[in-house]
Amino acid sequence: MALFKKKKELADYSDKAVPTSIGIIMDGNGRWAKNRHLPRSAGHRAGAKVFRTITRYCSDIGVKYLTVYAFSTENWRRPQDEVGALMRLFKEYLQEALDDFKDDSIVIHFIGDKSSFSEDLQKLMDDNEEISKDRDGMVLNIAMNYGSRDEIVRAVKSISEGVKNGDIDINSIDESMVSDHLYTAGQPDPDLIIRPSGEYRISNFMLWQSAYTEFVIMNKLWPDFKKEDLDEAIRLYNLRSRRFGGV
């Protein structure tokens, strides 16, 4: 079974602006499973299927960058059996991606600190990035062991090292330089961030990049999220007036 299935139909976006860059906080897997008296791992597996569907849909409607929050730096605090199940799920889908994703145009990019993962999982991440790097379609950022505060700290340390070594003039440090030292260097900031599950938190996701991002909170758990929900989020986005601090 292919990792990403082709859609039969697309929504009509002829009179709507498709956001260039979308971020999704994939939230609610555990609650979805609990509501059905299932183990949390079942919720994560159901959420992974939705991830595949929504990723393909974003690519098909013309989104250029999609960033999904898969595993945060704080998620290591969850029960060991749940973390173990997540690691096995990541490995399974990344292995499938090498075979089923090979003819796709999507560029896979991982953001976050890979070093905390097992060597075989790190290799699968590297292999997926390498095999997709020359594609010309949507960039898919998968945030794993990602925390935005950690990302910013790493950027500050990198810039500080440059100043220390004489490679960077302290007076040349500006917002652009900070952006260039983040995991998302060279990419546009997200136009829209969607959070299913009804939680009104950013949860340490793209703090720097989302300074002027439009947010849509949806009262639907991630495993229940459908293409129509993405359409609705984009419809709401199109109702916003983006002034970026101006009038």
C-alpha atoms as a PDB file:
ATOM      1  CA  MET A   1       0.000   0.000   0.000  1.00  0.00           C
ATOM      2  CA  ALA A   2       1.410   3.355  -1.000  1.00  0.00           C
ATOM      3  CA  LEU A   3       2.420   5.724   1.752  1.00  0.00           C
ATOM      4  CA  PHE A   4       0.543   8.619   0.143  1.00  0.00           C
ATOM      5  CA  LYS A   5      -2.528   7.950  -1.968  1.00  0.00           C
ATOM      6  CA  LYS A   6      -3.576  10.225  -4.791  1.00  0.00           C
ATOM      7  CA  LYS A   7      -6.808  12.116  -4.120  1.00  0.00           C
ATOM      8  CA  LYS A   8      -9.805  11.774  -6.364  1.00  0.00           C
ATOM      9  CA  GLU A   9     -10.938  15.385  -6.107  1.00  0.00           C
ATOM     10  CA  LEU A  10      -9.632  18.767  -5.060  1.00  0.00           C
ATOM     11  CA  ALA A  11     -11.565  21.616  -3.514  1.00  0.00           C
ATOM     12  CA  ASP A  12     -12.107  24.628  -5.780  1.00  0.00           C
ATOM     13  CA  TYR A  13      -9.372  27.104  -4.861  1.00  0.00           C
ATOM     14  CA  SER A  14      -9.795  29.314  -7.918  1.00  0.00           C
ATOM     15  CA  ASP A  15     -11.039  32.246  -5.810  1.00  0.00           C
ATOM     16  CA  LYS A  16      -9.001  31.563  -2.672  1.00  0.00           C
ATOM     17  CA  ALA A  17      -5.373  32.161  -1.742  1.00  0.00           C
ATOM     18  CA  VAL A  18      -3.638  28.922  -0.872  1.00  0.00           C
ATOM     19  CA  PRO A  19      -1.160  29.640   1.952  1.00  0.00           C
ATOM     20  CA  THR A  20       2.423  29.231   0.823  1.00  0.00           C
ATOM     21  CA  SER A  21       3.433  27.732   4.149  1.00  0.00           C
ATOM     22  CA  ILE A  22       1.237  25.851   6.647  1.00  0.00           C
ATOM     23  CA  GLY A  23       2.112  24.447  10.053  1.00  0.00           C
ATOM     24  CA  ILE A  24       0.023  21.805  11.808  1.00  0.00           C
ATOM     25  CA  ILE A  25       0.192  20.847  15.477  1.00  0.00           C
ATOM     26  CA  MET A  26      -1.051  17.265  15.223  1.00  0.00           C
ATOM     27  CA  ASP A  27      -2.798  17.092  18.592  1.00  0.00           C
ATOM     28  CA  GLY A  28      -5.354  14.762  20.133  1.00  0.00           C
ATOM     29  CA  ASN A  29      -4.189  11.241  19.324  1.00  0.00           C
ATOM     30  CA  GLY A  30      -4.194  10.144  22.959  1.00  0.00           C
ATOM     31  CA  ARG A  31      -7.641  11.552  23.713  1.00  0.00           C
ATOM     32  CA  TRP A  32      -9.027  10.002  20.525  1.00  0.00           C
ATOM     33  CA  ALA A  33      -7.818   6.589  21.695  1.00  0.00           C
ATOM     34  CA  LYS A  34      -9.068   7.110  25.257  1.00  0.00           C
ATOM     35  CA  ASN A  35     -12.535   8.019  23.991  1.00  0.00           C
ATOM     36  CA  ARG A  36     -12.612   4.641  22.239  1.00  0.00           C
ATOM     37  CA  HIS A  37     -11.099   2.687  25.155  1.00  0.00           C
ATOM     38  CA  LEU A  38      -8.031   1.940  23.062  1.00  0.00           C
ATOM     39  CA  PRO A  39      -4.325   2.186  23.938  1.00  0.00           C
ATOM     40  CA  ARG A  40      -2.704   5.538  23.141  1.00  0.00           C
ATOM     41  CA  SER A  41      -0.565   3.799  20.523  1.00  0.00           C
ATOM     42  CA  ALA A  42      -3.756   3.160  18.517  1.00  0.00           C
ATOM     43  CA  GLY A  43      -4.393   6.893  18.484  1.00  0.00           C
ATOM     44  CA  HIS A  44      -0.885   7.585  17.192  1.00  0.00           C
ATOM     45  CA  ARG A  45      -1.327   5.023  14.430  1.00  0.00           C
ATOM     46  CA  ALA A  46      -4.658   6.559  13.422  1.00  0.00           C
ATOM     47  CA  GLY A  47      -3.050  10.016  13.494  1.00  0.00           C
ATOM     48  CA  ALA A  48      -0.233   8.801  11.236  1.00  0.00           C
ATOM     49  CA  LYS A  49      -2.785   7.788   8.600  1.00  0.00           C
ATOM     50  CA  VAL A  50      -4.341  11.247   8.723  1.00  0.00           C
ATOM     51  CA  PHE A  51      -0.878  12.782   8.386  1.00  0.00           C
ATOM     52  CA  ARG A  52      -0.365  10.913   5.130  1.00  0.00           C
ATOM     53  CA  THR A  53      -3.725  12.007   3.725  1.00  0.00           C
ATOM     54  CA  ILE A  54      -3.349  15.663   4.687  1.00  0.00           C
ATOM     55  CA  THR A  55       0.244  15.849   3.449  1.00  0.00           C
ATOM     56  CA  ARG A  56      -0.777  14.574   0.035  1.00  0.00           C
ATOM     57  CA  TYR A  57      -3.724  16.980  -0.052  1.00  0.00           C
ATOM     58  CA  CYS A  58      -1.554  19.986   0.824  1.00  0.00           C
ATOM     59  CA  SER A  59       0.808  19.056  -1.992  1.00  0.00           C
ATOM     60  CA  ASP A  60      -2.044  18.651  -4.465  1.00  0.00           C
ATOM     61  CA  ILE A  61      -3.678  22.028  -3.745  1.00  0.00           C
ATOM     62  CA  GLY A  62      -0.409  23.933  -4.099  1.00  0.00           C
ATOM     63  CA  VAL A  63       0.989  24.429  -0.596  1.00  0.00           C
ATOM     64  CA  LYS A  64       4.745  24.933  -0.952  1.00  0.00           C
ATOM     65  CA  TYR A  65       5.846  24.231   2.644  1.00  0.00           C
ATOM     66  CA  LEU A  66       4.132  22.062   5.248  1.00  0.00           C
ATOM     67  CA  THR A  67       5.527  21.705   8.758  1.00  0.00           C
ATOM     68  CA  VAL A  68       4.010  19.035  11.007  1.00  0.00           C
ATOM     69  CA  TYR A  69       4.706  18.726  14.719  1.00  0.00           C
ATOM     70  CA  ALA A  70       5.348  15.000  15.183  1.00  0.00           C
ATOM     71  CA  PHE A  71       7.382  14.738  18.413  1.00  0.00           C
ATOM     72  CA  SER A  72       8.431  17.557  20.727  1.00  0.00           C
ATOM     73  CA  THR A  73      11.414  17.854  23.045  1.00  0.00           C
ATOM     74  CA  GLU A  74       8.911  17.531  25.905  1.00  0.00           C
ATOM     75  CA  ASN A  75       7.325  14.322  24.590  1.00  0.00           C
ATOM     76  CA  TRP A  76      10.180  12.250  26.034  1.00  0.00           C
ATOM     77  CA  ARG A  77       8.461  12.748  29.418  1.00  0.00           C
ATOM     78  CA  ARG A  78       5.548  10.561  28.358  1.00  0.00           C
ATOM     79  CA  PRO A  79       5.277   6.950  29.601  1.00  0.00           C
ATOM     80  CA  GLN A  80       8.098   4.787  28.309  1.00  0.00           C
ATOM     81  CA  ASP A  81       5.778   2.337  26.571  1.00  0.00           C
ATOM     82  CA  GLU A  82       4.111   5.175  24.651  1.00  0.00           C
ATOM     83  CA  VAL A  83       7.455   6.661  23.582  1.00  0.00           C
ATOM     84  CA  GLY A  84       8.613   3.206  22.492  1.00  0.00           C
ATOM     85  CA  ALA A  85       5.466   2.700  20.428  1.00  0.00           C
ATOM     86  CA  LEU A  86       5.986   6.085  18.768  1.00  0.00           C
ATOM     87  CA  MET A  87       9.579   5.243  17.878  1.00  0.00           C
ATOM     88  CA  ARG A  88       8.476   1.962  16.303  1.00  0.00           C
ATOM     89  CA  LEU A  89       5.775   3.793  14.352  1.00  0.00           C
ATOM     90  CA  PHE A  90       8.252   6.417  13.107  1.00  0.00           C
ATOM     91  CA  LYS A  91      10.601   3.675  11.976  1.00  0.00           C
ATOM     92  CA  GLU A  92       7.843   1.780  10.185  1.00  0.00           C
ATOM     93  CA  TYR A  93       6.596   4.759   8.214  1.00  0.00           C
ATOM     94  CA  LEU A  94      10.022   6.116   7.365  1.00  0.00           C
ATOM     95  CA  GLN A  95      11.011   2.708   6.044  1.00  0.00           C
ATOM     96  CA  GLU A  96       7.850   2.630   3.908  1.00  0.00           C
ATOM     97  CA  ALA A  97       8.612   6.131   2.665  1.00  0.00           C
ATOM     98  CA  LEU A  98      11.865   4.977   1.089  1.00  0.00           C
ATOM     99  CA  ASP A  99       9.924   2.603  -1.168  1.00  0.00           C
ATOM    100  CA  ASP A 100       6.513   4.196  -1.603  1.00  0.00           C
ATOM    101  CA  PHE A 101       7.649   7.816  -1.736  1.00  0.00           C
ATOM    102  CA  LYS A 102      10.339   7.404  -4.367  1.00  0.00           C
ATOM    103  CA  ASP A 103       8.235   8.607  -7.314  1.00  0.00           C
ATOM    104  CA  ASP A 104       6.745  11.550  -5.431  1.00  0.00           C
ATOM    105  CA  SER A 105       7.710  15.205  -5.795  1.00  0.00           C
ATOM    106  CA  ILE A 106       7.662  15.969  -2.056  1.00  0.00           C
ATOM    107  CA  VAL A 107      10.964  16.967  -0.422  1.00  0.00           C
ATOM    108  CA  ILE A 108      11.332  15.528   3.077  1.00  0.00           C
ATOM    109  CA  HIS A 109      13.157  17.582   5.680  1.00  0.00           C
ATOM    110  CA  PHE A 110      13.471  16.866   9.397  1.00  0.00           C
ATOM    111  CA  ILE A 111      13.719  19.712  11.886  1.00  0.00           C
ATOM    112  CA  GLY A 112      14.811  19.173  15.464  1.00  0.00           C
ATOM    113  CA  ASP A 113      17.673  17.439  17.243  1.00  0.00           C
ATOM    114  CA  LYS A 114      18.128  14.034  15.616  1.00  0.00           C
ATOM    115  CA  SER A 115      20.929  12.993  17.972  1.00  0.00           C
ATOM    116  CA  SER A 116      18.581  11.690  20.673  1.00  0.00           C
ATOM    117  CA  PHE A 117      17.067   9.065  18.374  1.00  0.00           C
ATOM    118  CA  SER A 118      18.442   5.580  17.781  1.00  0.00           C
ATOM    119  CA  GLU A 119      21.082   5.172  15.083  1.00  0.00           C
ATOM    120  CA  ASP A 120      18.757   3.214  12.799  1.00  0.00           C
ATOM    121  CA  LEU A 121      16.054   5.896  13.057  1.00  0.00           C
ATOM    122  CA  GLN A 122      18.612   8.634  12.388  1.00  0.00           C
ATOM    123  CA  LYS A 123      19.761   6.719   9.305  1.00  0.00           C
ATOM    124  CA  LEU A 124      16.185   6.465   8.030  1.00  0.00           C
ATOM    125  CA  MET A 125      15.791  10.221   8.462  1.00  0.00           C
ATOM    126  CA  ASP A 126      19.041  10.862   6.599  1.00  0.00           C
ATOM    127  CA  ASP A 127      18.098   8.403   3.843  1.00  0.00           C
ATOM    128  CA  ASN A 128      14.696  10.026   3.326  1.00  0.00           C
ATOM    129  CA  GLU A 129      16.260  13.475   3.125  1.00  0.00           C
ATOM    130  CA  GLU A 130      18.958  12.325   0.732  1.00  0.00           C
ATOM    131  CA  ILE A 131      16.635  10.460  -1.612  1.00  0.00           C
ATOM    132  CA  SER A 132      14.174  13.374  -1.823  1.00  0.00           C
ATOM    133  CA  LYS A 133      16.552  16.347  -1.914  1.00  0.00           C
ATOM    134  CA  ASP A 134      16.416  16.867  -5.692  1.00  0.00           C
ATOM    135  CA  ARG A 135      12.637  16.778  -5.986  1.00  0.00           C
ATOM    136  CA  ASP A 136      10.838  19.930  -7.027  1.00  0.00           C
ATOM    137  CA  GLY A 137       7.546  19.719  -5.108  1.00  0.00           C
ATOM    138  CA  MET A 138       6.303  20.721  -1.682  1.00  0.00           C
ATOM    139  CA  VAL A 139       8.783  20.761   1.196  1.00  0.00           C
ATOM    140  CA  LEU A 140       7.557  18.639   4.089  1.00  0.00           C
ATOM    141  CA  ASN A 141       9.180  19.566   7.392  1.00  0.00           C
ATOM    142  CA  ILE A 142       8.702  16.838   9.992  1.00  0.00           C
ATOM    143  CA  ALA A 143       9.440  18.247  13.450  1.00  0.00           C
ATOM    144  CA  MET A 144      10.893  15.452  15.581  1.00  0.00           C
ATOM    145  CA  ASN A 145      12.534  16.084  18.936  1.00  0.00           C
ATOM    146  CA  TYR A 146      11.741  19.685  18.120  1.00  0.00           C
ATOM    147  CA  GLY A 147      11.227  22.553  20.533  1.00  0.00           C
ATOM    148  CA  SER A 148      11.248  26.147  19.390  1.00  0.00           C
ATOM    149  CA  ARG A 149      13.011  27.463  22.480  1.00  0.00           C
ATOM    150  CA  ASP A 150      15.753  24.886  21.959  1.00  0.00           C
ATOM    151  CA  GLU A 151      15.910  25.912  18.293  1.00  0.00           C
ATOM    152  CA  ILE A 152      16.380  29.580  19.227  1.00  0.00           C
ATOM    153  CA  VAL A 153      19.020  28.745  21.850  1.00  0.00           C
ATOM    154  CA  ARG A 154      20.929  26.747  19.239  1.00  0.00           C
ATOM    155  CA  ALA A 155      20.737  29.692  16.834  1.00  0.00           C
ATOM    156  CA  VAL A 156      22.047  32.079  19.498  1.00  0.00           C
ATOM    157  CA  LYS A 157      24.927  29.741  20.308  1.00  0.00           C
ATOM    158  CA  SER A 158      25.826  29.372  16.633  1.00  0.00           C
ATOM    159  CA  ILE A 159      25.827  33.134  16.075  1.00  0.00           C
ATOM    160  CA  SER A 160      27.801  33.683  19.285  1.00  0.00           C
ATOM    161  CA  GLU A 161      30.419  31.214  18.114  1.00  0.00           C
ATOM    162  CA  GLY A 162      30.680  33.152  14.867  1.00  0.00           C
ATOM    163  CA  VAL A 163      31.217  36.391  16.785  1.00  0.00           C
ATOM    164  CA  LYS A 164      33.797  34.718  19.009  1.00  0.00           C
ATOM    165  CA  ASN A 165      35.728  33.425  15.995  1.00  0.00           C
ATOM    166  CA  GLY A 166      35.591  36.782  14.261  1.00  0.00           C
ATOM    167  CA  ASP A 167      33.394  35.515  11.439  1.00  0.00           C
ATOM    168  CA  ILE A 168      30.398  37.654  12.439  1.00  0.00           C
ATOM    169  CA  ASP A 169      30.398  41.361  13.284  1.00  0.00           C
ATOM    170  CA  ILE A 170      28.101  41.776  16.299  1.00  0.00           C
ATOM    171  CA  ASN A 171      26.608  44.885  14.692  1.00  0.00           C
ATOM    172  CA  SER A 172      25.496  42.814  11.698  1.00  0.00           C
ATOM    173  CA  ILE A 173      23.221  40.593  13.796  1.00  0.00           C
ATOM    174  CA  ASP A 174      19.602  41.171  12.801  1.00  0.00           C
ATOM    175  CA  GLU A 175      16.338  39.259  12.466  1.00  0.00           C
ATOM    176  CA  SER A 176      17.388  37.862   9.116  1.00  0.00           C
ATOM    177  CA  MET A 177      20.574  36.404  10.575  1.00  0.00           C
ATOM    178  CA  VAL A 178      18.664  34.727  13.389  1.00  0.00           C
ATOM    179  CA  SER A 179      16.223  33.237  10.868  1.00  0.00           C
ATOM    180  CA  ASP A 180      19.169  31.942   8.850  1.00  0.00           C
ATOM    181  CA  HIS A 181      20.383  29.974  11.878  1.00  0.00           C
ATOM    182  CA  LEU A 182      17.080  28.214  12.568  1.00  0.00           C
ATOM    183  CA  TYR A 183      16.142  24.741  11.327  1.00  0.00           C
ATOM    184  CA  THR A 184      13.881  26.394   8.755  1.00  0.00           C
ATOM    185  CA  ALA A 185      16.629  28.580   7.254  1.00  0.00           C
ATOM    186  CA  GLY A 186      15.788  29.660   3.717  1.00  0.00           C
ATOM    187  CA  GLN A 187      12.083  28.938   4.100  1.00  0.00           C
ATOM    188  CA  PRO A 188       9.247  31.452   4.441  1.00  0.00           C
ATOM    189  CA  ASP A 189       7.506  31.873   7.788  1.00  0.00           C
ATOM    190  CA  PRO A 190       4.203  29.984   8.079  1.00  0.00           C
ATOM    191  CA  ASP A 191       1.175  31.883   6.817  1.00  0.00           C
ATOM    192  CA  LEU A 192      -1.194  29.621   8.718  1.00  0.00           C
ATOM    193  CA  ILE A 193      -0.847  27.318  11.707  1.00  0.00           C
ATOM    194  CA  ILE A 194      -3.664  24.878  12.435  1.00  0.00           C
ATOM    195  CA  ARG A 195      -4.192  23.239  15.808  1.00  0.00           C
ATOM    196  CA  PRO A 196      -6.836  20.517  16.001  1.00  0.00           C
ATOM    197  CA  SER A 197      -8.156  19.292  19.384  1.00  0.00           C
ATOM    198  CA  GLY A 198      -9.401  22.671  20.603  1.00  0.00           C
ATOM    199  CA  GLU A 199      -6.361  23.528  22.715  1.00  0.00           C
ATOM    200  CA  TYR A 200      -5.407  27.224  22.735  1.00  0.00           C
ATOM    201  CA  ARG A 201      -1.647  26.758  23.079  1.00  0.00           C
ATOM    202  CA  ILE A 202       1.294  27.070  20.733  1.00  0.00           C
ATOM    203  CA  SER A 203       3.177  24.337  22.639  1.00  0.00           C
ATOM    204  CA  ASN A 204       6.697  25.518  21.822  1.00  0.00           C
ATOM    205  CA  PHE A 205       6.112  25.308  18.057  1.00  0.00           C
ATOM    206  CA  MET A 206       7.794  27.759  15.652  1.00  0.00           C
ATOM    207  CA  LEU A 207       7.818  30.646  18.145  1.00  0.00           C
ATOM    208  CA  TRP A 208      10.161  32.830  16.093  1.00  0.00           C
ATOM    209  CA  GLN A 209       8.672  31.962  12.726  1.00  0.00           C
ATOM    210  CA  SER A 210       5.040  32.536  13.765  1.00  0.00           C
ATOM    211  CA  ALA A 211       5.340  36.212  14.766  1.00  0.00           C
ATOM    212  CA  TYR A 212       2.702  37.187  12.170  1.00  0.00           C
ATOM    213  CA  THR A 213       1.160  33.818  11.437  1.00  0.00           C
ATOM    214  CA  GLU A 214      -2.611  33.372  11.330  1.00  0.00           C
ATOM    215  CA  PHE A 215      -3.849  30.692  13.757  1.00  0.00           C
ATOM    216  CA  VAL A 216      -6.906  28.481  13.387  1.00  0.00           C
ATOM    217  CA  ILE A 217      -7.989  26.336  16.340  1.00  0.00           C
ATOM    218  CA  MET A 218     -10.339  23.490  15.461  1.00  0.00           C
ATOM    219  CA  ASN A 219     -12.422  21.466  17.923  1.00  0.00           C
ATOM    220  CA  LYS A 220     -11.603  18.160  16.331  1.00  0.00           C
ATOM    221  CA  LEU A 221      -9.032  15.584  17.431  1.00  0.00           C
ATOM    222  CA  TRP A 222      -6.272  14.954  14.898  1.00  0.00           C
ATOM    223  CA  PRO A 223      -7.291  11.368  13.964  1.00  0.00           C
ATOM    224  CA  ASP A 224     -10.716  12.772  12.979  1.00  0.00           C
ATOM    225  CA  PHE A 225      -9.228  15.587  10.884  1.00  0.00           C
ATOM    226  CA  LYS A 226     -10.235  15.433   7.230  1.00  0.00           C
ATOM    227  CA  LYS A 227      -9.419  17.212   3.982  1.00  0.00           C
ATOM    228  CA  GLU A 228     -12.616  19.214   4.421  1.00  0.00           C
ATOM    229  CA  ASP A 229     -11.265  20.520   7.737  1.00  0.00           C
ATOM    230  CA  LEU A 230      -8.150  21.771   5.998  1.00  0.00           C
ATOM    231  CA  ASP A 231     -10.379  23.448   3.419  1.00  0.00           C
ATOM    232  CA  GLU A 232     -12.290  25.133   6.244  1.00  0.00           C
ATOM    233  CA  ALA A 233      -9.087  26.329   7.920  1.00  0.00           C
ATOM    234  CA  ILE A 234      -7.918  27.849   4.633  1.00  0.00           C
ATOM    235  CA  ARG A 235     -11.357  29.448   4.162  1.00  0.00           C
ATOM    236  CA  LEU A 236     -11.019  31.098   7.585  1.00  0.00           C
ATOM    237  CA  TYR A 237      -7.478  32.152   6.707  1.00  0.00           C
ATOM    238  CA  ASN A 238      -8.806  33.882   3.602  1.00  0.00           C
ATOM    239  CA  LEU A 239     -11.194  35.913   5.750  1.00  0.00           C
ATOM    240  CA  ARG A 240      -8.316  37.422   7.717  1.00  0.00           C
ATOM    241  CA  SER A 241      -6.747  40.782   6.946  1.00  0.00           C
ATOM    242  CA  ARG A 242      -2.992  40.326   7.236  1.00  0.00           C
ATOM    243  CA  ARG A 243      -1.439  43.696   8.050  1.00  0.00           C
ATOM    244  CA  PHE A 244       1.863  42.566   9.592  1.00  0.00           C
ATOM    245  CA  GLY A 245       1.724  45.389  12.143  1.00  0.00           C
ATOM    246  CA  GLY A 246       0.674  48.023   9.602  1.00  0.00           C
ATOM    247  CA  VAL A 247      -2.691  49.615   8.910  1.00  0.00           C
END
